C-alpha atoms as a PDB file:
ATOM      1  CA  UNK A   1       0.000   0.000   0.000  1.00  0.00           C
ATOM      2  CA  UNK A   2       2.803   2.422   0.875  1.00  0.00           C
ATOM      3  CA  UNK A   3       4.515   1.861  -2.497  1.00  0.00           C
ATOM      4  CA  UNK A   4       1.238   2.377  -4.310  1.00  0.00           C
ATOM      5  CA  UNK A   5       0.787   5.836  -2.771  1.00  0.00           C
ATOM      6  CA  UNK A   6       4.159   6.964  -4.095  1.00  0.00           C
ATOM      7  CA  UNK A   7       4.020   5.265  -7.485  1.00  0.00           C
ATOM      8  CA  UNK A   8       5.175   7.247 -10.476  1.00  0.00           C
ATOM      9  CA  UNK A   9       2.151   8.942 -12.059  1.00  0.00           C
ATOM     10  CA  UNK A  10       1.080   7.638 -15.452  1.00  0.00           C
ATOM     11  CA  UNK A  11       1.692  11.084 -16.958  1.00  0.00           C
ATOM     12  CA  UNK A  12       5.396  10.771 -16.072  1.00  0.00           C
ATOM     13  CA  UNK A  13       5.587   7.449 -17.924  1.00  0.00           C
ATOM     14  CA  UNK A  14       3.874   9.026 -20.926  1.00  0.00           C
ATOM     15  CA  UNK A  15       6.294  11.970 -20.812  1.00  0.00           C
ATOM     16  CA  UNK A  16       9.241   9.567 -20.664  1.00  0.00           C
ATOM     17  CA  UNK A  17       7.909   7.690 -23.718  1.00  0.00           C
ATOM     18  CA  UNK A  18       7.393  10.948 -25.617  1.00  0.00           C
ATOM     19  CA  UNK A  19      10.930  12.056 -24.761  1.00  0.00           C
ATOM     20  CA  UNK A  20      12.343   8.745 -25.999  1.00  0.00           C
ATOM     21  CA  UNK A  21      10.344   9.051 -29.225  1.00  0.00           C
ATOM     22  CA  UNK A  22      11.509  12.645 -29.677  1.00  0.00           C
ATOM     23  CA  UNK A  23      15.173  11.694 -29.174  1.00  0.00           C
ATOM     24  CA  UNK A  24      14.891   8.797 -31.637  1.00  0.00           C
ATOM     25  CA  UNK A  25      13.184  11.074 -34.179  1.00  0.00           C
ATOM     26  CA  UNK A  26      15.873  13.726 -33.661  1.00  0.00           C
ATOM     27  CA  UNK A  27      18.658  11.177 -34.203  1.00  0.00           C
ATOM     28  CA  UNK A  28      16.948   9.879 -37.348  1.00  0.00           C
ATOM     29  CA  UNK A  29      15.691  13.100 -38.934  1.00  0.00           C
ATOM     30  CA  UNK A  30      17.484  16.165 -37.531  1.00  0.00           C
ATOM     31  CA  UNK A  31      21.025  15.774 -36.279  1.00  0.00           C
ATOM     32  CA  UNK A  32      23.701  16.228 -38.959  1.00  0.00           C
ATOM     33  CA  UNK A  33      21.138  16.780 -41.735  1.00  0.00           C
ATOM     34  CA  UNK A  34      21.225  19.868 -43.957  1.00  0.00           C
ATOM     35  CA  UNK A  35      18.604  21.891 -42.018  1.00  0.00           C
ATOM     36  CA  UNK A  36      20.368  21.133 -38.744  1.00  0.00           C
ATOM     37  CA  UNK A  37      23.707  22.415 -40.100  1.00  0.00           C
ATOM     38  CA  UNK A  38      21.998  25.395 -41.723  1.00  0.00           C
ATOM     39  CA  UNK A  39      20.353  26.310 -38.419  1.00  0.00           C
ATOM     40  CA  UNK A  40      23.684  26.115 -36.580  1.00  0.00           C
ATOM     41  CA  UNK A  41      25.427  28.205 -39.255  1.00  0.00           C
ATOM     42  CA  UNK A  42      22.615  30.781 -39.282  1.00  0.00           C
ATOM     43  CA  UNK A  43      22.660  31.211 -35.504  1.00  0.00           C
ATOM     44  CA  UNK A  44      26.472  31.369 -35.307  1.00  0.00           C
ATOM     45  CA  UNK A  45      26.661  33.948 -38.116  1.00  0.00           C
ATOM     46  CA  UNK A  46      23.861  35.987 -36.539  1.00  0.00           C
ATOM     47  CA  UNK A  47      25.624  35.904 -33.154  1.00  0.00           C
ATOM     48  CA  UNK A  48      28.909  37.007 -34.760  1.00  0.00           C
ATOM     49  CA  UNK A  49      27.200  39.877 -36.607  1.00  0.00           C
ATOM     50  CA  UNK A  50      25.460  40.872 -33.373  1.00  0.00           C
ATOM     51  CA  UNK A  51      28.794  40.833 -31.522  1.00  0.00           C
ATOM     52  CA  UNK A  52      30.441  43.021 -34.180  1.00  0.00           C
ATOM     53  CA  UNK A  53      27.549  45.509 -34.064  1.00  0.00           C
ATOM     54  CA  UNK A  54      27.287  45.513 -30.264  1.00  0.00           C
ATOM     55  CA  UNK A  55      28.134  48.804 -28.564  1.00  0.00           C
ATOM     56  CA  UNK A  56      30.696  47.325 -26.167  1.00  0.00           C
ATOM     57  CA  UNK A  57      30.418  50.336 -23.836  1.00  0.00           C
ATOM     58  CA  UNK A  58      26.766  49.342 -23.224  1.00  0.00           C
ATOM     59  CA  UNK A  59      27.293  45.587 -23.324  1.00  0.00           C
ATOM     60  CA  UNK A  60      25.848  44.919 -19.849  1.00  0.00           C
ATOM     61  CA  UNK A  61      22.683  46.853 -20.641  1.00  0.00           C
ATOM     62  CA  UNK A  62      22.248  45.254 -24.076  1.00  0.00           C
ATOM     63  CA  UNK A  63      22.972  41.762 -22.695  1.00  0.00           C
ATOM     64  CA  UNK A  64      20.334  42.328 -20.011  1.00  0.00           C
ATOM     65  CA  UNK A  65      17.887  43.144 -22.810  1.00  0.00           C
ATOM     66  CA  UNK A  66      18.889  39.920 -24.617  1.00  0.00           C
ATOM     67  CA  UNK A  67      18.586  37.758 -21.490  1.00  0.00           C
ATOM     68  CA  UNK A  68      15.150  39.120 -20.607  1.00  0.00           C
ATOM     69  CA  UNK A  69      14.081  38.645 -24.236  1.00  0.00           C
ATOM     70  CA  UNK A  70      15.290  35.040 -24.268  1.00  0.00           C
ATOM     71  CA  UNK A  71      13.330  34.321 -21.083  1.00  0.00           C
ATOM     72  CA  UNK A  72      10.127  35.814 -22.508  1.00  0.00           C
ATOM     73  CA  UNK A  73      10.513  34.221 -25.957  1.00  0.00           C
ATOM     74  CA  UNK A  74      11.310  30.858 -24.353  1.00  0.00           C
ATOM     75  CA  UNK A  75       8.029  31.051 -22.466  1.00  0.00           C
ATOM     76  CA  UNK A  76       6.119  32.083 -25.580  1.00  0.00           C
ATOM     77  CA  UNK A  77       7.707  29.268 -27.603  1.00  0.00           C
ATOM     78  CA  UNK A  78       6.961  26.685 -24.920  1.00  0.00           C
ATOM     79  CA  UNK A  79       3.304  27.736 -24.698  1.00  0.00           C
ATOM     80  CA  UNK A  80       2.949  27.828 -28.481  1.00  0.00           C
ATOM     81  CA  UNK A  81       4.390  24.372 -28.963  1.00  0.00           C
ATOM     82  CA  UNK A  82       2.570  22.879 -25.976  1.00  0.00           C
ATOM     83  CA  UNK A  83      -0.757  24.233 -27.263  1.00  0.00           C
ATOM     84  CA  UNK A  84       0.143  23.076 -30.815  1.00  0.00           C
ATOM     85  CA  UNK A  85      -0.133  26.580 -32.227  1.00  0.00           C
ATOM     86  CA  UNK A  86       3.124  26.126 -34.150  1.00  0.00           C
ATOM     87  CA  UNK A  87       6.066  23.762 -34.397  1.00  0.00           C
ATOM     88  CA  UNK A  88       9.786  23.914 -35.059  1.00  0.00           C
ATOM     89  CA  UNK A  89      10.471  20.709 -37.015  1.00  0.00           C
ATOM     90  CA  UNK A  90      14.269  20.963 -36.794  1.00  0.00           C
ATOM     91  CA  UNK A  91      15.755  20.983 -33.307  1.00  0.00           C
ATOM     92  CA  UNK A  92      19.413  21.611 -32.509  1.00  0.00           C
ATOM     93  CA  UNK A  93      19.063  19.513 -29.384  1.00  0.00           C
ATOM     94  CA  UNK A  94      16.435  16.848 -28.699  1.00  0.00           C
ATOM     95  CA  UNK A  95      15.519  17.922 -25.171  1.00  0.00           C
ATOM     96  CA  UNK A  96      13.431  21.049 -24.475  1.00  0.00           C
ATOM     97  CA  UNK A  97      12.813  21.979 -28.138  1.00  0.00           C
ATOM     98  CA  UNK A  98      12.044  25.697 -27.556  1.00  0.00           C
ATOM     99  CA  UNK A  99      15.678  26.113 -26.534  1.00  0.00           C
ATOM    100  CA  UNK A 100      16.745  25.405 -30.104  1.00  0.00           C
ATOM    101  CA  UNK A 101      13.975  27.169 -31.990  1.00  0.00           C
ATOM    102  CA  UNK A 102      15.320  29.515 -34.607  1.00  0.00           C
ATOM    103  CA  UNK A 103      13.576  32.572 -33.189  1.00  0.00           C
ATOM    104  CA  UNK A 104      14.652  32.043 -29.578  1.00  0.00           C
ATOM    105  CA  UNK A 105      18.122  33.314 -30.444  1.00  0.00           C
ATOM    106  CA  UNK A 106      17.458  35.453 -33.510  1.00  0.00           C
ATOM    107  CA  UNK A 107      14.611  37.613 -32.181  1.00  0.00           C
ATOM    108  CA  UNK A 108      16.353  38.729 -28.963  1.00  0.00           C
ATOM    109  CA  UNK A 109      19.489  39.605 -30.930  1.00  0.00           C
ATOM    110  CA  UNK A 110      17.529  41.523 -33.573  1.00  0.00           C
ATOM    111  CA  UNK A 111      15.433  43.435 -31.033  1.00  0.00           C
ATOM    112  CA  UNK A 112      18.493  44.187 -28.896  1.00  0.00           C
ATOM    113  CA  UNK A 113      20.119  45.904 -31.875  1.00  0.00           C
ATOM    114  CA  UNK A 114      16.943  47.949 -32.322  1.00  0.00           C
ATOM    115  CA  UNK A 115      17.124  48.817 -28.613  1.00  0.00           C
ATOM    116  CA  UNK A 116      20.791  49.758 -28.940  1.00  0.00           C
ATOM    117  CA  UNK A 117      20.210  51.990 -31.972  1.00  0.00           C
ATOM    118  CA  UNK A 118      16.802  53.514 -31.134  1.00  0.00           C
ATOM    119  CA  UNK A 119      16.643  53.220 -27.328  1.00  0.00           C
ATOM    120  CA  UNK A 120      15.194  56.650 -26.642  1.00  0.00           C
ATOM    121  CA  UNK A 121      11.580  57.784 -26.903  1.00  0.00           C
ATOM    122  CA  UNK A 122       9.166  57.365 -29.784  1.00  0.00           C
ATOM    123  CA  UNK A 123      11.909  56.387 -32.225  1.00  0.00           C
ATOM    124  CA  UNK A 124      12.225  53.078 -30.384  1.00  0.00           C
ATOM    125  CA  UNK A 125       8.479  52.387 -30.638  1.00  0.00           C
ATOM    126  CA  UNK A 126       8.473  53.164 -34.371  1.00  0.00           C
ATOM    127  CA  UNK A 127      11.562  51.015 -34.935  1.00  0.00           C
ATOM    128  CA  UNK A 128       9.994  48.130 -32.979  1.00  0.00           C
ATOM    129  CA  UNK A 129       6.790  48.371 -35.021  1.00  0.00           C
ATOM    130  CA  UNK A 130       8.772  48.250 -38.269  1.00  0.00           C
ATOM    131  CA  UNK A 131      10.959  45.400 -36.976  1.00  0.00           C
ATOM    132  CA  UNK A 132       7.935  43.424 -35.763  1.00  0.00           C
ATOM    133  CA  UNK A 133       6.272  43.838 -39.153  1.00  0.00           C
ATOM    134  CA  UNK A 134       9.445  42.659 -40.914  1.00  0.00           C
ATOM    135  CA  UNK A 135       9.791  39.681 -38.564  1.00  0.00           C
ATOM    136  CA  UNK A 136       6.118  38.660 -38.844  1.00  0.00           C
ATOM    137  CA  UNK A 137       5.525  39.236 -42.528  1.00  0.00           C
ATOM    138  CA  UNK A 138       8.969  38.583 -44.050  1.00  0.00           C
ATOM    139  CA  UNK A 139      11.194  36.534 -41.725  1.00  0.00           C
ATOM    140  CA  UNK A 140       8.583  34.090 -40.380  1.00  0.00           C
ATOM    141  CA  UNK A 141       7.175  33.264 -43.854  1.00  0.00           C
ATOM    142  CA  UNK A 142      10.755  32.592 -45.004  1.00  0.00           C
ATOM    143  CA  UNK A 143      11.251  30.280 -42.019  1.00  0.00           C
ATOM    144  CA  UNK A 144       8.019  28.508 -42.954  1.00  0.00           C
ATOM    145  CA  UNK A 145       9.025  28.219 -46.600  1.00  0.00           C
ATOM    146  CA  UNK A 146      12.401  26.799 -45.517  1.00  0.00           C
ATOM    147  CA  UNK A 147      10.734  24.231 -43.256  1.00  0.00           C
ATOM    148  CA  UNK A 148      12.071  25.648 -39.983  1.00  0.00           C
ATOM    149  CA  UNK A 149       8.721  26.848 -38.656  1.00  0.00           C
ATOM    150  CA  UNK A 150       5.221  25.424 -39.147  1.00  0.00           C
ATOM    151  CA  UNK A 151       2.037  27.267 -38.338  1.00  0.00           C
ATOM    152  CA  UNK A 152      -0.614  24.892 -37.007  1.00  0.00           C
ATOM    153  CA  UNK A 153      -3.294  27.001 -35.297  1.00  0.00           C
ATOM    154  CA  UNK A 154      -1.590  30.371 -35.720  1.00  0.00           C
ATOM    155  CA  UNK A 155      -1.350  33.217 -38.215  1.00  0.00           C
ATOM    156  CA  UNK A 156       1.638  35.463 -38.823  1.00  0.00           C
ATOM    157  CA  UNK A 157      -0.299  38.587 -37.910  1.00  0.00           C
ATOM    158  CA  UNK A 158      -1.079  37.153 -34.438  1.00  0.00           C
ATOM    159  CA  UNK A 159       2.617  37.551 -33.610  1.00  0.00           C
ATOM    160  CA  UNK A 160       2.832  41.238 -34.547  1.00  0.00           C
ATOM    161  CA  UNK A 161       1.281  42.741 -31.384  1.00  0.00           C
ATOM    162  CA  UNK A 162       3.015  40.154 -29.191  1.00  0.00           C
ATOM    163  CA  UNK A 163       6.485  40.971 -30.535  1.00  0.00           C
ATOM    164  CA  UNK A 164       5.801  44.697 -30.335  1.00  0.00           C
ATOM    165  CA  UNK A 165       4.539  44.558 -26.747  1.00  0.00           C
ATOM    166  CA  UNK A 166       7.354  42.213 -25.659  1.00  0.00           C
ATOM    167  CA  UNK A 167      10.084  44.489 -27.056  1.00  0.00           C
ATOM    168  CA  UNK A 168       8.558  47.626 -25.519  1.00  0.00           C
ATOM    169  CA  UNK A 169       7.973  45.829 -22.199  1.00  0.00           C
ATOM    170  CA  UNK A 170      11.526  44.525 -22.048  1.00  0.00           C
ATOM    171  CA  UNK A 171      12.894  47.983 -22.800  1.00  0.00           C
ATOM    172  CA  UNK A 172      10.783  49.340 -19.923  1.00  0.00           C
ATOM    173  CA  UNK A 173      12.090  46.585 -17.621  1.00  0.00           C
ATOM    174  CA  UNK A 174      15.717  47.296 -18.552  1.00  0.00           C
ATOM    175  CA  UNK A 175      15.229  51.033 -18.039  1.00  0.00           C
ATOM    176  CA  UNK A 176      13.592  50.390 -14.643  1.00  0.00           C
ATOM    177  CA  UNK A 177      16.416  48.064 -13.562  1.00  0.00           C
ATOM    178  CA  UNK A 178      19.013  50.638 -14.588  1.00  0.00           C
ATOM    179  CA  UNK A 179      17.096  53.450 -12.855  1.00  0.00           C
ATOM    180  CA  UNK A 180      17.036  51.415  -9.626  1.00  0.00           C
ATOM    181  CA  UNK A 181      20.737  50.707 -10.041  1.00  0.00           C
ATOM    182  CA  UNK A 182      21.536  54.399 -10.545  1.00  0.00           C
ATOM    183  CA  UNK A 183      19.417  55.409  -7.559  1.00  0.00           C
ATOM    184  CA  UNK A 184      21.116  52.919  -5.252  1.00  0.00           C
ATOM    185  CA  UNK A 185      24.654  53.429  -6.409  1.00  0.00           C
ATOM    186  CA  UNK A 186      27.028  54.314  -3.628  1.00  0.00           C
ATOM    187  CA  UNK A 187      29.504  57.010  -4.455  1.00  0.00           C
ATOM    188  CA  UNK A 188      33.001  56.182  -3.274  1.00  0.00           C
ATOM    189  CA  UNK A 189      35.175  59.117  -2.202  1.00  0.00           C
ATOM    190  CA  UNK A 190      38.353  59.571  -4.202  1.00  0.00           C
ATOM    191  CA  UNK A 191      41.564  58.266  -2.680  1.00  0.00           C
ATOM    192  CA  UNK A 192      43.558  61.218  -1.322  1.00  0.00           C
ATOM    193  CA  UNK A 193      47.021  59.657  -1.357  1.00  0.00           C
END
């Protein structure tokens, strides 16, 4: 009776089976195939371009923007895949697929460059609107055409307000964090030696 009370729930067994199936599918259909290599090359090249364009004097601030973006986009991707709104058929790694979705890395890097270039006032909002339109109506259809992104119960235009609000919200969060930091900074007297 005691063992029965602490038995592994059936849902855990089902999850384990699904994970095994996903790993076997990944080994058979993804790893080392053309799309897998293309995805790696695309993300590495994008990261290198981002690094070259990064304003190194603001690297902490921009990296904070990227990290917050990754967290938000990871959540969005997980919900979207879990609710079968969309799918990423090619995974870089077989476990936790949203981690290797093409837009988890690319969108935060793209929006961080917009933040870096147009971080002040209305210019940022306009730049985010233009970027969100380009991402939703140009980049995502290209990903779909290339077989990296499948829409199941989703439309491209559904993403537009989400991306816009996320970018503006993350900018507000970064600005708030930096305002708190500035307010609480302790000034150190100069050394008089």
